């Protein structure tokens, strides 16, 4: 008697293979789990197949990639999720690995290796065949792009609102099937797209493209930063954002710096943002410097502030930074670098508090030397309070001579 369930043999075979792959601890080959590449184009569980792909050994051969291309050539229509599966099956290269053992997220190197050109060929071949694409699936597809050219093709055809060049290259009928735009301009739409390409090396080029078109102005830039997995991507996107030349506020600075995982990325970000800072309160200055773990990062931030004259710095700004330094040497370098940048009248009370931050008289005298031209205008009583912060007479006398 025939079964009433209309399951095809490839689907049943794939289901059994996925179950076996999930239960086995030993790595399996691609052909063991996916005997027929066409199964990737018919699977009822694209997400399960995607997780299985991350755990199998994929042949790094031209013959394997040609089989995948042939499977796609044989179909008139393909869903976004299944085309993304084929792209993921093009290589076992593992440049970026996220998630956990049960739910790995794996991406190959972008634009390098023997898989790069065939992967772009597959994505270009599949573009006119697409029959349904969600925002997340769009993210998966562009996450596999190996060149900015193919990335731009997808964006031109599914995100026409970006106003990219060559709109005449949009495929007739494609936008009719999906509506006017996968991106309605909301932060939620952008987050959905980025969720599909989480960790992909194509994320930074994609967001840089959005930034240059103005799509990341406002809160969208913060939503995008929250989705990025690596500091290098954050720096690349930030460079595209600041290239638009818009002023940066203190709260924006803090939000961006807190998104970084390591001081190295934070240093590069601060150097980019400092060029466009226009307003920074002493409290924001202290909070920004406090995002750095090590004194070397704090020094780099101070160097960026000192090199860019967009922000007016006062004695309170300097004190906020000095309080955060762990060592006198770092504290003194900050004073020496920022002293020429301070504006407004000298504040005697802040000056006394600044000297009290130092542990050793020699560094305390170095601070007096750096600030002497500014502090000579203070009254005699305040100068005596400054000198009272010294422990030894010898350094106190040298400091008095400077004032």
Protein backbone atom coordinates (compact mmCIF):
# COMPACT_ATOMS: atom_id res chain seq x y z
CA UNK A 1 0.00 0.00 0.00
CA UNK A 2 1.33 3.45 -0.90
CA UNK A 3 1.95 6.02 1.79
CA UNK A 4 -0.47 8.97 1.62
CA UNK A 5 2.29 11.38 2.63
CA UNK A 6 3.82 13.08 -0.42
CA UNK A 7 7.45 13.05 0.79
CA UNK A 8 10.03 12.80 -1.97
CA UNK A 9 13.01 10.49 -1.61
CA UNK A 10 15.56 13.34 -1.46
CA UNK A 11 13.64 14.99 1.39
CA UNK A 12 13.34 11.75 3.36
CA UNK A 13 17.01 10.96 2.78
CA UNK A 14 18.03 14.45 3.89
CA UNK A 15 15.90 14.21 7.03
CA UNK A 16 17.53 10.92 7.97
CA UNK A 17 21.00 12.34 7.24
CA UNK A 18 20.36 15.44 9.36
CA UNK A 19 19.19 13.25 12.24
CA UNK A 20 22.31 11.09 11.95
CA UNK A 21 24.54 14.16 11.80
CA UNK A 22 22.95 15.56 14.94
CA UNK A 23 23.43 12.29 16.85
CA UNK A 24 26.99 11.61 15.74
CA UNK A 25 30.03 13.13 17.42
CA UNK A 26 32.37 12.20 14.56
CA UNK A 27 32.72 14.70 11.70
CA UNK A 28 30.92 13.57 8.54
CA UNK A 29 31.56 14.42 4.92
CA UNK A 30 29.25 16.58 2.85
CA UNK A 31 28.31 13.65 0.62
CA UNK A 32 27.31 11.54 3.62
CA UNK A 33 24.89 14.17 4.91
CA UNK A 34 23.81 15.57 1.53
CA UNK A 35 24.13 12.74 -1.05
CA UNK A 36 22.30 14.85 -3.64
CA UNK A 37 23.04 18.63 -3.74
CA UNK A 38 19.49 19.15 -5.03
CA UNK A 39 18.29 18.26 -1.52
CA UNK A 40 19.53 21.66 -0.35
CA UNK A 41 17.06 23.24 -2.78
CA UNK A 42 14.09 21.18 -1.57
CA UNK A 43 14.70 20.74 2.15
CA UNK A 44 11.71 21.64 4.33
CA UNK A 45 14.12 22.64 7.12
CA UNK A 46 16.66 25.16 5.73
CA UNK A 47 17.76 26.22 9.22
CA UNK A 48 18.48 22.64 10.28
CA UNK A 49 20.41 22.07 7.06
CA UNK A 50 22.36 25.26 7.68
CA UNK A 51 23.42 24.07 11.14
CA UNK A 52 24.41 20.69 9.68
CA UNK A 53 26.54 22.40 7.01
CA UNK A 54 28.54 24.11 9.75
CA UNK A 55 29.61 20.71 11.12
CA UNK A 56 30.37 18.65 7.99
CA UNK A 57 33.56 18.49 5.94
CA UNK A 58 32.86 20.26 2.63
CA UNK A 59 35.13 19.29 -0.31
CA UNK A 60 37.32 22.16 -1.42
CA UNK A 61 37.21 21.08 -5.06
CA UNK A 62 36.07 22.55 -8.35
CA UNK A 63 33.97 19.42 -9.00
CA UNK A 64 32.01 19.92 -5.78
CA UNK A 65 31.27 23.55 -6.52
CA UNK A 66 30.25 22.70 -10.09
CA UNK A 67 27.71 20.18 -8.74
CA UNK A 68 26.13 22.93 -6.66
CA UNK A 69 26.05 25.31 -9.63
CA UNK A 70 24.51 22.58 -11.80
CA UNK A 71 21.79 21.96 -9.21
CA UNK A 72 20.88 25.65 -9.29
CA UNK A 73 20.97 25.83 -13.09
CA UNK A 74 18.38 23.08 -13.19
CA UNK A 75 15.78 25.13 -11.32
CA UNK A 76 13.62 28.03 -12.45
CA UNK A 77 12.83 29.27 -8.96
CA UNK A 78 14.57 29.13 -5.59
CA UNK A 79 13.79 30.58 -2.17
CA UNK A 80 16.17 32.93 -0.42
CA UNK A 81 16.85 30.47 2.41
CA UNK A 82 17.75 27.64 0.02
CA UNK A 83 19.97 29.79 -2.19
CA UNK A 84 21.82 30.84 0.98
CA UNK A 85 22.26 27.15 1.79
CA UNK A 86 23.94 26.52 -1.56
CA UNK A 87 26.24 29.48 -0.98
CA UNK A 88 27.17 28.15 2.47
CA UNK A 89 27.98 24.75 0.92
CA UNK A 90 30.58 26.19 -1.46
CA UNK A 91 33.48 25.92 1.00
CA UNK A 92 34.55 24.58 4.38
CA UNK A 93 36.80 27.61 4.93
CA UNK A 94 36.37 28.86 8.50
CA UNK A 95 37.53 32.41 9.04
CA UNK A 96 34.87 33.45 11.54
CA UNK A 97 33.09 31.22 14.02
CA UNK A 98 30.38 32.41 16.40
CA UNK A 99 27.66 30.87 18.51
CA UNK A 100 28.11 27.65 20.42
CA UNK A 101 28.74 24.01 19.57
CA UNK A 102 25.03 23.28 19.23
CA UNK A 103 24.28 26.34 17.08
CA UNK A 104 27.47 27.40 15.30
CA UNK A 105 27.60 30.41 12.98
CA UNK A 106 30.38 29.97 10.44
CA UNK A 107 31.58 32.32 7.71
CA UNK A 108 34.46 31.85 5.26
CA UNK A 109 37.04 34.47 4.37
CA UNK A 110 35.59 37.03 1.96
CA UNK A 111 37.06 37.49 -1.50
CA UNK A 112 39.96 35.07 -0.92
CA UNK A 113 40.34 31.42 -1.75
CA UNK A 114 39.16 29.17 -4.56
CA UNK A 115 35.55 29.41 -3.36
CA UNK A 116 35.23 33.17 -3.81
CA UNK A 117 34.55 33.48 -7.55
CA UNK A 118 32.24 30.41 -7.75
CA UNK A 119 30.25 31.67 -4.75
CA UNK A 120 29.67 35.03 -6.42
CA UNK A 121 28.78 33.20 -9.65
CA UNK A 122 26.20 31.15 -7.77
CA UNK A 123 24.66 34.20 -6.09
CA UNK A 124 24.46 36.09 -9.40
CA UNK A 125 22.96 33.03 -11.10
CA UNK A 126 20.35 32.66 -8.38
CA UNK A 127 19.33 36.31 -8.18
CA UNK A 128 16.77 36.26 -11.03
CA UNK A 129 15.45 32.89 -9.82
CA UNK A 130 14.50 34.07 -6.32
CA UNK A 131 10.83 33.62 -5.52
CA UNK A 132 10.62 34.71 -1.89
CA UNK A 133 13.04 36.59 0.35
CA UNK A 134 12.55 37.72 3.92
CA UNK A 135 14.77 40.37 5.49
CA UNK A 136 16.69 37.74 7.42
CA UNK A 137 17.20 35.66 4.27
CA UNK A 138 18.38 38.75 2.42
CA UNK A 139 20.95 39.18 5.17
CA UNK A 140 22.05 35.56 4.76
CA UNK A 141 22.43 35.99 1.01
CA UNK A 142 24.48 39.18 1.10
CA UNK A 143 26.47 37.71 4.00
CA UNK A 144 27.87 35.20 1.50
CA UNK A 145 28.81 37.77 -1.16
CA UNK A 146 32.50 37.64 -1.97
CA UNK A 147 32.78 41.01 -3.69
CA UNK A 148 31.29 44.46 -3.29
CA UNK A 149 30.09 44.22 -6.89
CA UNK A 150 27.71 41.32 -6.15
CA UNK A 151 26.76 42.91 -2.82
CA UNK A 152 25.79 46.07 -4.70
CA UNK A 153 23.77 44.00 -7.21
CA UNK A 154 21.64 42.59 -4.42
CA UNK A 155 21.23 45.97 -2.76
CA UNK A 156 20.29 47.65 -6.04
CA UNK A 157 17.58 45.10 -6.66
CA UNK A 158 16.12 44.70 -3.19
CA UNK A 159 16.89 48.02 -1.51
CA UNK A 160 16.09 50.56 -4.26
CA UNK A 161 15.43 53.20 -1.63
CA UNK A 162 19.19 53.52 -1.10
CA UNK A 163 19.46 55.30 -4.45
CA UNK A 164 22.58 53.40 -5.52
CA UNK A 165 24.01 53.85 -9.01
CA UNK A 166 22.79 52.02 -12.09
CA UNK A 167 19.11 51.50 -11.17
CA UNK A 168 18.53 50.38 -14.74
CA UNK A 169 20.26 47.10 -13.82
CA UNK A 170 17.36 46.10 -11.56
CA UNK A 171 15.73 42.90 -12.82
CA UNK A 172 12.26 43.27 -14.27
CA UNK A 173 9.67 41.61 -12.06
CA UNK A 174 11.92 41.01 -9.04
CA UNK A 175 10.69 44.00 -7.06
CA UNK A 176 7.11 43.28 -8.11
CA UNK A 177 7.34 39.93 -6.32
CA UNK A 178 8.76 41.33 -3.07
CA UNK A 179 7.22 44.76 -2.80
CA UNK A 180 9.02 48.09 -3.15
CA UNK A 181 11.78 47.59 -0.60
CA UNK A 182 12.88 45.08 2.05
CA UNK A 183 14.05 48.05 4.13
CA UNK A 184 11.27 50.40 5.22
CA UNK A 185 13.72 52.74 6.95
CA UNK A 186 13.02 51.47 10.46
CA UNK A 187 15.65 50.27 12.91
CA UNK A 188 13.71 47.01 13.25
CA UNK A 189 14.01 46.28 9.51
CA UNK A 190 17.76 46.89 9.61
CA UNK A 191 18.17 44.65 12.66
CA UNK A 192 16.30 41.84 10.88
CA UNK A 193 18.63 42.05 7.88
CA UNK A 194 21.74 42.15 10.05
CA UNK A 195 20.54 39.15 12.09
CA UNK A 196 20.78 37.04 8.95
CA UNK A 197 24.43 37.97 8.36
CA UNK A 198 25.64 38.11 11.97
CA UNK A 199 29.42 37.84 11.98
CA UNK A 200 29.81 37.84 8.19
CA UNK A 201 32.83 39.66 6.73
CA UNK A 202 30.36 41.28 4.31
CA UNK A 203 28.63 43.11 7.17
CA UNK A 204 31.05 46.04 7.28
CA UNK A 205 30.96 46.65 3.49
CA UNK A 206 27.16 46.47 3.56
CA UNK A 207 26.82 48.91 6.45
CA UNK A 208 29.43 51.21 4.92
CA UNK A 209 27.27 51.30 1.80
CA UNK A 210 24.26 52.20 3.93
CA UNK A 211 26.24 54.84 5.80
CA UNK A 212 27.36 56.57 2.61
CA UNK A 213 23.75 56.72 1.43
CA UNK A 214 22.61 58.30 4.72
CA UNK A 215 20.62 55.23 5.80
CA UNK A 216 22.52 55.01 9.12
CA UNK A 217 21.94 58.59 10.20
CA UNK A 218 20.25 58.95 13.58
CA UNK A 219 19.42 55.96 15.76
CA UNK A 220 20.04 53.48 12.92
CA UNK A 221 23.79 53.73 13.46
CA UNK A 222 23.38 52.64 17.08
CA UNK A 223 21.12 49.76 16.04
CA UNK A 224 23.74 48.67 13.51
CA UNK A 225 26.58 48.84 16.03
CA UNK A 226 24.65 46.65 18.44
CA UNK A 227 24.49 43.90 15.80
CA UNK A 228 28.19 43.86 14.88
CA UNK A 229 30.25 40.98 16.23
CA UNK A 230 33.83 42.22 15.70
CA UNK A 231 35.69 45.42 16.51
CA UNK A 232 37.28 45.58 13.05
CA UNK A 233 33.78 45.74 11.54
CA UNK A 234 32.79 48.47 13.98
CA UNK A 235 35.81 50.59 13.00
CA UNK A 236 35.11 50.12 9.27
CA UNK A 237 31.49 51.18 9.64
CA UNK A 238 32.44 54.08 11.89
CA UNK A 239 34.91 55.35 9.27
CA UNK A 240 32.08 55.46 6.71
CA UNK A 241 29.81 57.25 9.17
CA UNK A 242 32.28 59.99 10.13
CA UNK A 243 33.17 60.51 6.46
CA UNK A 244 29.77 62.20 6.15
CA UNK A 245 31.23 65.01 8.24
CA UNK A 246 28.40 65.36 10.73
CA UNK A 247 29.23 66.62 14.25
CA UNK A 248 29.44 64.07 17.06
CA UNK A 249 27.97 64.69 20.52
CA UNK A 250 29.17 63.39 23.85
CA UNK A 251 26.40 60.82 24.29
CA UNK A 252 27.02 59.44 20.79
CA UNK A 253 30.71 59.11 21.63
CA UNK A 254 29.93 57.15 24.78
CA UNK A 255 27.47 54.81 23.05
CA UNK A 256 29.96 53.99 20.31
CA UNK A 257 32.93 53.45 22.64
CA UNK A 258 30.91 51.13 24.89
CA UNK A 259 30.08 48.93 21.90
CA UNK A 260 33.73 47.93 21.45
CA UNK A 261 35.13 44.81 23.06
CA UNK A 262 38.82 45.78 23.27
CA UNK A 263 40.92 48.89 23.82
CA UNK A 264 42.59 48.62 20.41
CA UNK A 265 39.30 49.08 18.57
CA UNK A 266 38.22 51.73 21.07
CA UNK A 267 41.44 53.69 20.39
CA UNK A 268 40.84 53.67 16.64
CA UNK A 269 37.22 54.68 17.16
CA UNK A 270 38.17 57.57 19.45
CA UNK A 271 40.70 58.84 16.90
CA UNK A 272 37.98 58.87 14.21
CA UNK A 273 35.34 60.49 16.41
CA UNK A 274 37.60 63.12 17.98
CA UNK A 275 37.85 64.86 14.61
CA UNK A 276 34.11 65.58 14.70
CA UNK A 277 33.47 66.21 18.40
CA UNK A 278 31.86 69.57 19.05
CA UNK A 279 30.57 69.35 22.63
CA UNK A 280 31.87 67.26 25.50
CA UNK A 281 31.13 67.86 29.17
CA UNK A 282 33.69 66.99 31.86
CA UNK A 283 31.40 64.16 32.99
CA UNK A 284 31.21 62.76 29.45
CA UNK A 285 34.98 63.12 29.11
CA UNK A 286 35.55 61.06 32.25
CA UNK A 287 33.01 58.44 31.15
CA UNK A 288 34.62 58.18 27.71
CA UNK A 289 38.12 57.68 29.11
CA UNK A 290 36.72 55.21 31.65
CA UNK A 291 35.67 52.87 28.81
CA UNK A 292 39.36 52.03 28.34
CA UNK A 293 40.77 49.16 30.38
CA UNK A 294 44.45 50.10 30.29
CA UNK A 295 46.34 53.36 30.74
CA UNK A 296 47.77 53.00 27.23
CA UNK A 297 44.24 53.31 25.84
CA UNK A 298 43.54 56.33 28.02
CA UNK A 299 46.74 57.95 26.76
CA UNK A 300 45.68 57.30 23.16
CA UNK A 301 42.29 58.92 23.82
CA UNK A 302 43.95 61.97 25.35
CA UNK A 303 46.30 62.17 22.35
CA UNK A 304 43.30 62.21 20.04
CA UNK A 305 41.63 64.95 22.08
CA UNK A 306 44.83 66.97 22.12
CA UNK A 307 45.35 66.66 18.38
CA UNK A 308 41.85 67.85 17.42
CA UNK A 309 40.76 71.34 18.32
CA UNK A 310 37.02 70.95 17.84
CA UNK A 311 36.25 70.54 21.55
CA UNK A 312 36.97 73.26 24.06
CA UNK A 313 38.61 71.73 27.13
CA UNK A 314 38.61 73.23 30.61
CA UNK A 315 40.40 72.46 33.86
CA UNK A 316 37.45 70.23 34.82
CA UNK A 317 37.98 68.09 31.71
CA UNK A 318 41.62 67.56 32.64
CA UNK A 319 40.78 66.64 36.23
CA UNK A 320 38.16 64.12 35.08
CA UNK A 321 40.79 62.36 32.97
CA UNK A 322 43.55 62.51 35.61
CA UNK A 323 41.31 60.80 38.17
CA UNK A 324 40.99 57.76 35.90
CA UNK A 325 44.69 57.14 35.26
CA UNK A 326 46.20 54.30 37.21
CA UNK A 327 49.80 55.56 37.26
CA UNK A 328 51.48 58.91 37.80
CA UNK A 329 53.42 58.59 34.55
CA UNK A 330 50.24 58.32 32.52
CA UNK A 331 48.61 61.09 34.53
CA UNK A 332 51.54 63.43 33.89
CA UNK A 333 51.55 62.72 30.16
CA UNK A 334 47.86 63.58 30.01
CA UNK A 335 48.48 66.90 31.77
CA UNK A 336 51.41 67.72 29.49
CA UNK A 337 49.43 66.92 26.33
CA UNK A 338 46.24 68.78 27.24
CA UNK A 339 47.65 71.82 29.09
CA UNK A 340 48.09 73.85 25.86
CA UNK A 341 44.46 73.08 24.88
CA UNK A 342 42.76 74.40 28.05
CA UNK A 343 40.57 77.47 27.69
CA UNK A 344 38.92 79.85 30.14
CA UNK A 345 40.32 81.16 33.42
CA UNK A 346 42.34 78.84 35.65
CA UNK A 347 40.32 77.25 38.46
CA UNK A 348 42.33 77.19 41.70
CA UNK A 349 40.18 74.59 43.42
CA UNK A 350 40.45 72.23 40.44
CA UNK A 351 44.21 72.87 40.28
CA UNK A 352 44.62 71.72 43.90
CA UNK A 353 42.54 68.61 43.24
CA UNK A 354 44.63 67.84 40.16
CA UNK A 355 47.90 67.87 42.11
CA UNK A 356 46.35 65.66 44.80
CA UNK A 357 45.86 62.92 42.19
CA UNK A 358 49.62 62.38 42.05
CA UNK A 359 51.37 59.96 44.37
CA UNK A 360 54.96 61.23 43.96
CA UNK A 361 56.40 64.72 44.26
CA UNK A 362 58.52 64.46 41.12
CA UNK A 363 55.47 63.85 38.93
CA UNK A 364 53.50 66.46 40.87
CA UNK A 365 56.22 69.01 40.07
CA UNK A 366 56.09 67.92 36.42
CA UNK A 367 52.39 68.79 36.40
CA UNK A 368 53.13 72.22 37.89
CA UNK A 369 55.72 72.79 35.18
CA UNK A 370 53.20 71.88 32.45
CA UNK A 371 50.51 74.14 33.97
CA UNK A 372 52.77 76.96 35.22
CA UNK A 373 51.88 79.49 32.52
CA UNK A 374 48.22 78.98 33.36
CA UNK A 375 48.54 78.89 37.14
CA UNK A 376 50.74 81.98 37.55
CA UNK A 377 47.55 84.06 37.42
CA UNK A 378 46.20 82.39 40.58
CA UNK A 379 46.21 84.34 43.84
CA UNK A 380 48.89 83.82 46.49
CA UNK A 381 46.60 81.84 48.82
CA UNK A 382 45.74 79.33 46.09
CA UNK A 383 49.42 78.96 45.16
CA UNK A 384 50.21 78.14 48.78
CA UNK A 385 47.52 75.44 48.69
CA UNK A 386 49.14 74.03 45.57
CA UNK A 387 52.54 73.91 47.24
CA UNK A 388 51.02 72.28 50.33
CA UNK A 389 50.29 69.15 48.28
CA UNK A 390 54.05 68.38 48.17
CA UNK A 391 55.63 66.05 50.70
CA UNK A 392 59.28 67.14 50.46
CA UNK A 393 60.71 70.65 50.69
CA UNK A 394 63.10 70.18 47.76
CA UNK A 395 60.31 69.55 45.22
CA UNK A 396 58.10 72.18 46.88
CA UNK A 397 60.80 74.80 46.36
CA UNK A 398 61.26 73.83 42.70
CA UNK A 399 57.49 74.09 42.18
CA UNK A 400 57.38 77.50 43.92
CA UNK A 401 60.07 78.76 41.54
CA UNK A 402 57.94 77.69 38.57
CA UNK A 403 54.90 79.59 39.89
